[in-house]
Amino acid sequence: MKILIVTTNVKNITEDIETGVWLEEFMEPYLKFLENNYDITIASPNGGISPVDPKSIKDEYKKYANVLNETISIKEAGSSYDLLYIPGGHGCMFDLPDNKDLAKIIEKMNENKKIISAICHGLCGLISAKNKDNTPFVFTKTLTSFTNEEENETGLREYMPFLIESKLKELGANYIKKPEWANFVVEDNRLITGQNQNSAKQLAKKLILKLENNG
């Protein structure tokens, strides 16, 4: 199985507020993919270092985190994968929503009936992609993401270019959610999404099941 994980290069929201990828959302699926000996490619808009949000660092993940120092660019990555996975963290809100190379990968993988997955803020990476009829990729799809209520609780709402829940609804997604910080994963055919970092382990398990059943 070939896996593409797309993450962020953004390290700061402001000079004083650090951000990056939320490590648990990256690591839980990544470690499951490793366990299954999948071929994993990690990409970011510019390649190189994908910073980790300092608030998300846990000792159990530290020994693996160096893989985030060596990403390739999304442009280099291509679309020949069985699964695309986009973890969240506030960083991706600033460099994934308008990334044309990522949109092309999503469109091609969707056309080829491959699995597409994102969690939390990572769903911002889906919003520029289109279906063949030029509707948004997320149009009518049942999904979840980081909620507006959860964003309010982070204290970072004012810095966000948009609210991911609101944007997905605006694009015509069938958006569903559970209460704040619930473990919640939604599967809609080949699209699998998670609400927040507490959903990462369950999402990882679902991705493995989906890959093995599709394989």
C-alpha atoms as a PDB file:
ATOM      1  CA  MET A   1       0.000   0.000   0.000  1.00  0.00           C
ATOM      2  CA  LYS A   2       1.228   3.483  -0.871  1.00  0.00           C
ATOM      3  CA  ILE A   3       0.318   6.307   1.507  1.00  0.00           C
ATOM      4  CA  LEU A   4       0.676  10.065   1.074  1.00  0.00           C
ATOM      5  CA  ILE A   5       0.549  12.240   4.198  1.00  0.00           C
ATOM      6  CA  VAL A   6       0.305  15.977   3.519  1.00  0.00           C
ATOM      7  CA  THR A   7       1.204  18.400   6.275  1.00  0.00           C
ATOM      8  CA  THR A   8       2.089  22.060   6.875  1.00  0.00           C
ATOM      9  CA  ASN A   9       5.199  24.254   6.741  1.00  0.00           C
ATOM     10  CA  VAL A  10       3.703  27.032   8.897  1.00  0.00           C
ATOM     11  CA  LYS A  11       5.488  27.518  12.233  1.00  0.00           C
ATOM     12  CA  ASN A  12       3.877  30.691  13.565  1.00  0.00           C
ATOM     13  CA  ILE A  13       0.422  32.254  13.597  1.00  0.00           C
ATOM     14  CA  THR A  14       1.895  35.480  15.009  1.00  0.00           C
ATOM     15  CA  GLU A  15       5.368  36.281  16.249  1.00  0.00           C
ATOM     16  CA  ASP A  16       4.295  35.106  19.702  1.00  0.00           C
ATOM     17  CA  ILE A  17       2.023  32.174  18.822  1.00  0.00           C
ATOM     18  CA  GLU A  18       3.711  29.017  17.540  1.00  0.00           C
ATOM     19  CA  THR A  19       1.833  26.427  15.539  1.00  0.00           C
ATOM     20  CA  GLY A  20       2.465  23.553  13.131  1.00  0.00           C
ATOM     21  CA  VAL A  21       1.024  20.075  12.732  1.00  0.00           C
ATOM     22  CA  TRP A  22      -0.752  18.550  15.744  1.00  0.00           C
ATOM     23  CA  LEU A  23       1.580  15.656  16.482  1.00  0.00           C
ATOM     24  CA  GLU A  24      -0.984  13.107  17.685  1.00  0.00           C
ATOM     25  CA  GLU A  25      -3.025  13.572  14.508  1.00  0.00           C
ATOM     26  CA  PHE A  26       0.049  12.892  12.416  1.00  0.00           C
ATOM     27  CA  MET A  27       1.558  10.104  14.509  1.00  0.00           C
ATOM     28  CA  GLU A  28      -1.384   7.809  15.249  1.00  0.00           C
ATOM     29  CA  PRO A  29      -2.054   6.976  11.584  1.00  0.00           C
ATOM     30  CA  TYR A  30       1.658   7.183  10.692  1.00  0.00           C
ATOM     31  CA  LEU A  31       2.583   4.543  13.296  1.00  0.00           C
ATOM     32  CA  LYS A  32      -0.252   2.274  12.137  1.00  0.00           C
ATOM     33  CA  PHE A  33       0.982   2.602   8.552  1.00  0.00           C
ATOM     34  CA  LEU A  34       4.502   1.711   9.732  1.00  0.00           C
ATOM     35  CA  GLU A  35       3.218  -1.347  11.608  1.00  0.00           C
ATOM     36  CA  ASN A  36       1.642  -2.567   8.399  1.00  0.00           C
ATOM     37  CA  ASN A  37       4.805  -1.967   6.359  1.00  0.00           C
ATOM     38  CA  TYR A  38       3.084   0.494   4.041  1.00  0.00           C
ATOM     39  CA  ASP A  39       5.127   2.709   1.725  1.00  0.00           C
ATOM     40  CA  ILE A  40       4.763   6.195   3.271  1.00  0.00           C
ATOM     41  CA  THR A  41       5.512   9.532   1.595  1.00  0.00           C
ATOM     42  CA  ILE A  42       5.300  12.752   3.635  1.00  0.00           C
ATOM     43  CA  ALA A  43       4.809  15.997   1.729  1.00  0.00           C
ATOM     44  CA  SER A  44       4.284  19.679   2.526  1.00  0.00           C
ATOM     45  CA  PRO A  45       3.777  22.749   0.330  1.00  0.00           C
ATOM     46  CA  ASN A  46       7.483  23.682   0.266  1.00  0.00           C
ATOM     47  CA  GLY A  47       9.105  20.420   1.351  1.00  0.00           C
ATOM     48  CA  GLY A  48      11.677  20.349   4.146  1.00  0.00           C
ATOM     49  CA  ILE A  49      10.638  20.806   7.767  1.00  0.00           C
ATOM     50  CA  SER A  50       7.035  20.439   8.856  1.00  0.00           C
ATOM     51  CA  PRO A  51       6.981  22.109  12.288  1.00  0.00           C
ATOM     52  CA  VAL A  52       5.168  20.529  15.214  1.00  0.00           C
ATOM     53  CA  ASP A  53       2.818  22.549  17.404  1.00  0.00           C
ATOM     54  CA  PRO A  54       4.708  22.674  20.743  1.00  0.00           C
ATOM     55  CA  LYS A  55       1.450  22.145  22.657  1.00  0.00           C
ATOM     56  CA  SER A  56       1.012  18.752  20.997  1.00  0.00           C
ATOM     57  CA  ILE A  57       4.390  17.169  21.771  1.00  0.00           C
ATOM     58  CA  LYS A  58       4.220  13.918  23.754  1.00  0.00           C
ATOM     59  CA  ASP A  59       7.184  11.769  24.832  1.00  0.00           C
ATOM     60  CA  GLU A  60       5.711   8.668  23.178  1.00  0.00           C
ATOM     61  CA  TYR A  61       6.008  10.275  19.743  1.00  0.00           C
ATOM     62  CA  LYS A  62       9.354  12.064  20.080  1.00  0.00           C
ATOM     63  CA  LYS A  63      11.574   9.326  18.655  1.00  0.00           C
ATOM     64  CA  TYR A  64       9.588   9.305  15.408  1.00  0.00           C
ATOM     65  CA  ALA A  65       9.143  13.066  14.973  1.00  0.00           C
ATOM     66  CA  ASN A  66      12.327  13.502  12.902  1.00  0.00           C
ATOM     67  CA  VAL A  67      10.418  12.194   9.856  1.00  0.00           C
ATOM     68  CA  LEU A  68       8.770  15.613   9.773  1.00  0.00           C
ATOM     69  CA  ASN A  69      12.143  17.236   9.050  1.00  0.00           C
ATOM     70  CA  GLU A  70      12.448  15.616   5.642  1.00  0.00           C
ATOM     71  CA  THR A  71       9.210  16.141   3.718  1.00  0.00           C
ATOM     72  CA  ILE A  72       9.107  16.468  -0.052  1.00  0.00           C
ATOM     73  CA  SER A  73       7.073  19.178  -1.784  1.00  0.00           C
ATOM     74  CA  ILE A  74       3.466  18.451  -2.702  1.00  0.00           C
ATOM     75  CA  LYS A  75       4.331  19.229  -6.330  1.00  0.00           C
ATOM     76  CA  GLU A  76       6.909  16.395  -6.301  1.00  0.00           C
ATOM     77  CA  ALA A  77       4.573  13.918  -4.648  1.00  0.00           C
ATOM     78  CA  GLY A  78       2.254  13.054  -7.533  1.00  0.00           C
ATOM     79  CA  SER A  79      -1.001  11.143  -7.061  1.00  0.00           C
ATOM     80  CA  SER A  80      -0.088   7.441  -7.331  1.00  0.00           C
ATOM     81  CA  TYR A  81      -1.244   6.421  -3.858  1.00  0.00           C
ATOM     82  CA  ASP A  82      -3.840   4.198  -2.262  1.00  0.00           C
ATOM     83  CA  LEU A  83      -4.595   6.743   0.442  1.00  0.00           C
ATOM     84  CA  LEU A  84      -4.141  10.468   1.081  1.00  0.00           C
ATOM     85  CA  TYR A  85      -4.189  11.583   4.704  1.00  0.00           C
ATOM     86  CA  ILE A  86      -4.134  15.193   5.953  1.00  0.00           C
ATOM     87  CA  PRO A  87      -3.552  15.731   9.708  1.00  0.00           C
ATOM     88  CA  GLY A  88      -4.548  18.970  11.356  1.00  0.00           C
ATOM     89  CA  GLY A  89      -3.023  21.586  13.593  1.00  0.00           C
ATOM     90  CA  HIS A  90      -3.609  25.299  13.069  1.00  0.00           C
ATOM     91  CA  GLY A  91      -0.607  25.610  10.730  1.00  0.00           C
ATOM     92  CA  CYS A  92      -2.349  23.938   7.798  1.00  0.00           C
ATOM     93  CA  MET A  93      -5.082  26.598   7.802  1.00  0.00           C
ATOM     94  CA  PHE A  94      -2.553  29.005   6.300  1.00  0.00           C
ATOM     95  CA  ASP A  95      -0.839  26.959   3.586  1.00  0.00           C
ATOM     96  CA  LEU A  96      -3.123  24.109   2.487  1.00  0.00           C
ATOM     97  CA  PRO A  97      -6.545  25.621   1.578  1.00  0.00           C
ATOM     98  CA  ASP A  98      -5.388  27.274  -1.660  1.00  0.00           C
ATOM     99  CA  ASN A  99      -2.680  24.800  -2.647  1.00  0.00           C
ATOM    100  CA  LYS A 100      -3.366  23.918  -6.298  1.00  0.00           C
ATOM    101  CA  ASP A 101      -1.017  20.932  -6.306  1.00  0.00           C
ATOM    102  CA  LEU A 102      -2.876  19.390  -3.371  1.00  0.00           C
ATOM    103  CA  ALA A 103      -6.237  20.051  -5.056  1.00  0.00           C
ATOM    104  CA  LYS A 104      -4.985  18.236  -8.188  1.00  0.00           C
ATOM    105  CA  ILE A 105      -3.853  15.232  -6.133  1.00  0.00           C
ATOM    106  CA  ILE A 106      -7.265  15.015  -4.426  1.00  0.00           C
ATOM    107  CA  GLU A 107      -9.084  15.295  -7.751  1.00  0.00           C
ATOM    108  CA  LYS A 108      -6.942  12.602  -9.377  1.00  0.00           C
ATOM    109  CA  MET A 109      -7.175  10.215  -6.411  1.00  0.00           C
ATOM    110  CA  ASN A 110     -10.930  10.749  -6.233  1.00  0.00           C
ATOM    111  CA  GLU A 111     -11.207   9.992  -9.957  1.00  0.00           C
ATOM    112  CA  ASN A 112      -9.161   6.812  -9.395  1.00  0.00           C
ATOM    113  CA  LYS A 113     -11.419   5.773  -6.499  1.00  0.00           C
ATOM    114  CA  LYS A 114      -8.695   5.982  -3.852  1.00  0.00           C
ATOM    115  CA  ILE A 115      -9.191   6.704  -0.141  1.00  0.00           C
ATOM    116  CA  ILE A 116      -9.031  10.309   1.065  1.00  0.00           C
ATOM    117  CA  SER A 117      -8.882  11.168   4.769  1.00  0.00           C
ATOM    118  CA  ALA A 118      -8.400  14.219   6.960  1.00  0.00           C
ATOM    119  CA  ILE A 119      -8.812  15.140  10.598  1.00  0.00           C
ATOM    120  CA  CYS A 120      -9.563  18.313  12.545  1.00  0.00           C
ATOM    121  CA  HIS A 121      -8.180  21.399  10.715  1.00  0.00           C
ATOM    122  CA  GLY A 122      -6.741  19.062   8.063  1.00  0.00           C
ATOM    123  CA  LEU A 123     -10.058  19.227   6.219  1.00  0.00           C
ATOM    124  CA  CYS A 124      -9.054  22.720   5.085  1.00  0.00           C
ATOM    125  CA  GLY A 125      -6.828  20.887   2.583  1.00  0.00           C
ATOM    126  CA  LEU A 126      -9.946  19.536   0.822  1.00  0.00           C
ATOM    127  CA  ILE A 127     -11.721  22.797   0.131  1.00  0.00           C
ATOM    128  CA  SER A 128     -10.124  23.799  -3.191  1.00  0.00           C
ATOM    129  CA  ALA A 129     -10.569  20.413  -4.864  1.00  0.00           C
ATOM    130  CA  LYS A 130     -13.425  19.895  -7.323  1.00  0.00           C
ATOM    131  CA  ASN A 131     -15.504  17.009  -8.592  1.00  0.00           C
ATOM    132  CA  LYS A 132     -15.699  16.310 -12.335  1.00  0.00           C
ATOM    133  CA  ASP A 133     -18.883  18.413 -12.558  1.00  0.00           C
ATOM    134  CA  ASN A 134     -16.973  21.363 -11.027  1.00  0.00           C
ATOM    135  CA  THR A 135     -18.820  21.194  -7.703  1.00  0.00           C
ATOM    136  CA  PRO A 136     -16.611  21.315  -4.578  1.00  0.00           C
ATOM    137  CA  PHE A 137     -15.088  17.945  -3.686  1.00  0.00           C
ATOM    138  CA  VAL A 138     -16.863  18.083  -0.307  1.00  0.00           C
ATOM    139  CA  PHE A 139     -20.270  18.902  -1.844  1.00  0.00           C
ATOM    140  CA  THR A 140     -22.967  16.579  -0.378  1.00  0.00           C
ATOM    141  CA  LYS A 141     -20.323  14.422   1.326  1.00  0.00           C
ATOM    142  CA  THR A 142     -20.987  13.460   4.939  1.00  0.00           C
ATOM    143  CA  LEU A 143     -18.029  14.488   7.057  1.00  0.00           C
ATOM    144  CA  THR A 144     -16.783  16.084  10.256  1.00  0.00           C
ATOM    145  CA  SER A 145     -13.910  18.376  11.303  1.00  0.00           C
ATOM    146  CA  PHE A 146     -12.760  20.649  14.108  1.00  0.00           C
ATOM    147  CA  THR A 147     -15.931  22.422  15.203  1.00  0.00           C
ATOM    148  CA  ASN A 148     -16.653  26.117  15.647  1.00  0.00           C
ATOM    149  CA  GLU A 149     -17.206  25.494  19.358  1.00  0.00           C
ATOM    150  CA  GLU A 150     -13.818  23.791  19.655  1.00  0.00           C
ATOM    151  CA  GLU A 151     -12.173  26.694  17.820  1.00  0.00           C
ATOM    152  CA  ASN A 152     -13.767  29.128  20.283  1.00  0.00           C
ATOM    153  CA  GLU A 153     -12.198  27.155  23.132  1.00  0.00           C
ATOM    154  CA  THR A 154      -8.685  27.352  21.652  1.00  0.00           C
ATOM    155  CA  GLY A 155      -8.673  31.147  21.922  1.00  0.00           C
ATOM    156  CA  LEU A 156      -7.292  31.300  18.367  1.00  0.00           C
ATOM    157  CA  ARG A 157     -10.515  31.912  16.442  1.00  0.00           C
ATOM    158  CA  GLU A 158      -9.657  35.548  15.723  1.00  0.00           C
ATOM    159  CA  TYR A 159      -6.429  34.516  13.968  1.00  0.00           C
ATOM    160  CA  MET A 160      -8.014  31.972  11.631  1.00  0.00           C
ATOM    161  CA  PRO A 161      -8.586  32.901   7.962  1.00  0.00           C
ATOM    162  CA  PHE A 162     -11.963  31.120   8.253  1.00  0.00           C
ATOM    163  CA  LEU A 163     -13.751  28.585  10.456  1.00  0.00           C
ATOM    164  CA  ILE A 164     -13.412  25.121   9.000  1.00  0.00           C
ATOM    165  CA  GLU A 165     -16.893  23.939  10.057  1.00  0.00           C
ATOM    166  CA  SER A 166     -18.517  27.035   8.545  1.00  0.00           C
ATOM    167  CA  LYS A 167     -16.506  26.756   5.322  1.00  0.00           C
ATOM    168  CA  LEU A 168     -17.399  23.091   4.791  1.00  0.00           C
ATOM    169  CA  LYS A 169     -21.099  23.854   5.280  1.00  0.00           C
ATOM    170  CA  GLU A 170     -20.819  26.790   2.878  1.00  0.00           C
ATOM    171  CA  LEU A 171     -19.389  24.420   0.236  1.00  0.00           C
ATOM    172  CA  GLY A 172     -22.387  22.111   0.599  1.00  0.00           C
ATOM    173  CA  ALA A 173     -20.963  19.350   2.783  1.00  0.00           C
ATOM    174  CA  ASN A 174     -23.308  17.315   4.951  1.00  0.00           C
ATOM    175  CA  TYR A 175     -21.503  18.365   8.119  1.00  0.00           C
ATOM    176  CA  ILE A 176     -22.061  16.402  11.342  1.00  0.00           C
ATOM    177  CA  LYS A 177     -20.376  16.629  14.738  1.00  0.00           C
ATOM    178  CA  LYS A 178     -20.431  15.497  18.352  1.00  0.00           C
ATOM    179  CA  PRO A 179     -19.912  17.666  21.459  1.00  0.00           C
ATOM    180  CA  GLU A 180     -16.555  19.391  21.930  1.00  0.00           C
ATOM    181  CA  TRP A 181     -13.508  17.094  22.074  1.00  0.00           C
ATOM    182  CA  ALA A 182     -15.539  13.931  21.403  1.00  0.00           C
ATOM    183  CA  ASN A 183     -13.889  10.989  19.662  1.00  0.00           C
ATOM    184  CA  PHE A 184     -15.836  11.040  16.396  1.00  0.00           C
ATOM    185  CA  VAL A 185     -14.999   9.553  12.994  1.00  0.00           C
ATOM    186  CA  VAL A 186     -17.208   9.647   9.903  1.00  0.00           C
ATOM    187  CA  GLU A 187     -16.898   7.304   6.931  1.00  0.00           C
ATOM    188  CA  ASP A 188     -18.620   8.252   3.683  1.00  0.00           C
ATOM    189  CA  ASN A 189     -17.598   5.693   1.078  1.00  0.00           C
ATOM    190  CA  ARG A 190     -13.925   6.504   0.362  1.00  0.00           C
ATOM    191  CA  LEU A 191     -13.817   9.708   2.474  1.00  0.00           C
ATOM    192  CA  ILE A 192     -12.940   9.205   6.150  1.00  0.00           C
ATOM    193  CA  THR A 193     -12.780  12.192   8.511  1.00  0.00           C
ATOM    194  CA  GLY A 194     -12.169  12.822  12.219  1.00  0.00           C
ATOM    195  CA  GLN A 195     -13.394  15.656  14.422  1.00  0.00           C
ATOM    196  CA  ASN A 196     -10.304  16.423  16.521  1.00  0.00           C
ATOM    197  CA  GLN A 197      -7.108  14.983  18.004  1.00  0.00           C
ATOM    198  CA  ASN A 198      -9.085  12.662  20.287  1.00  0.00           C
ATOM    199  CA  SER A 199     -10.360  10.906  17.153  1.00  0.00           C
ATOM    200  CA  ALA A 200      -6.873  10.097  15.805  1.00  0.00           C
ATOM    201  CA  LYS A 201      -6.563   6.537  17.127  1.00  0.00           C
ATOM    202  CA  GLN A 202     -10.013   5.501  15.954  1.00  0.00           C
ATOM    203  CA  LEU A 203      -9.409   7.139  12.580  1.00  0.00           C
ATOM    204  CA  ALA A 204      -6.106   5.261  12.199  1.00  0.00           C
ATOM    205  CA  LYS A 205      -7.861   1.926  12.837  1.00  0.00           C
ATOM    206  CA  LYS A 206     -10.579   2.733  10.303  1.00  0.00           C
ATOM    207  CA  LEU A 207      -7.994   3.663   7.678  1.00  0.00           C
ATOM    208  CA  ILE A 208      -6.205   0.336   8.059  1.00  0.00           C
ATOM    209  CA  LEU A 209      -9.493  -1.567   7.790  1.00  0.00           C
ATOM    210  CA  LYS A 210     -10.500   0.410   4.711  1.00  0.00           C
ATOM    211  CA  LEU A 211      -7.120  -0.125   3.037  1.00  0.00           C
ATOM    212  CA  GLU A 212      -7.111  -3.848   3.722  1.00  0.00           C
ATOM    213  CA  ASN A 213     -10.693  -4.280   2.520  1.00  0.00           C
ATOM    214  CA  ASN A 214     -10.017  -2.244  -0.621  1.00  0.00           C
ATOM    215  CA  GLY A 215      -6.663  -3.894  -1.295  1.00  0.00           C
END
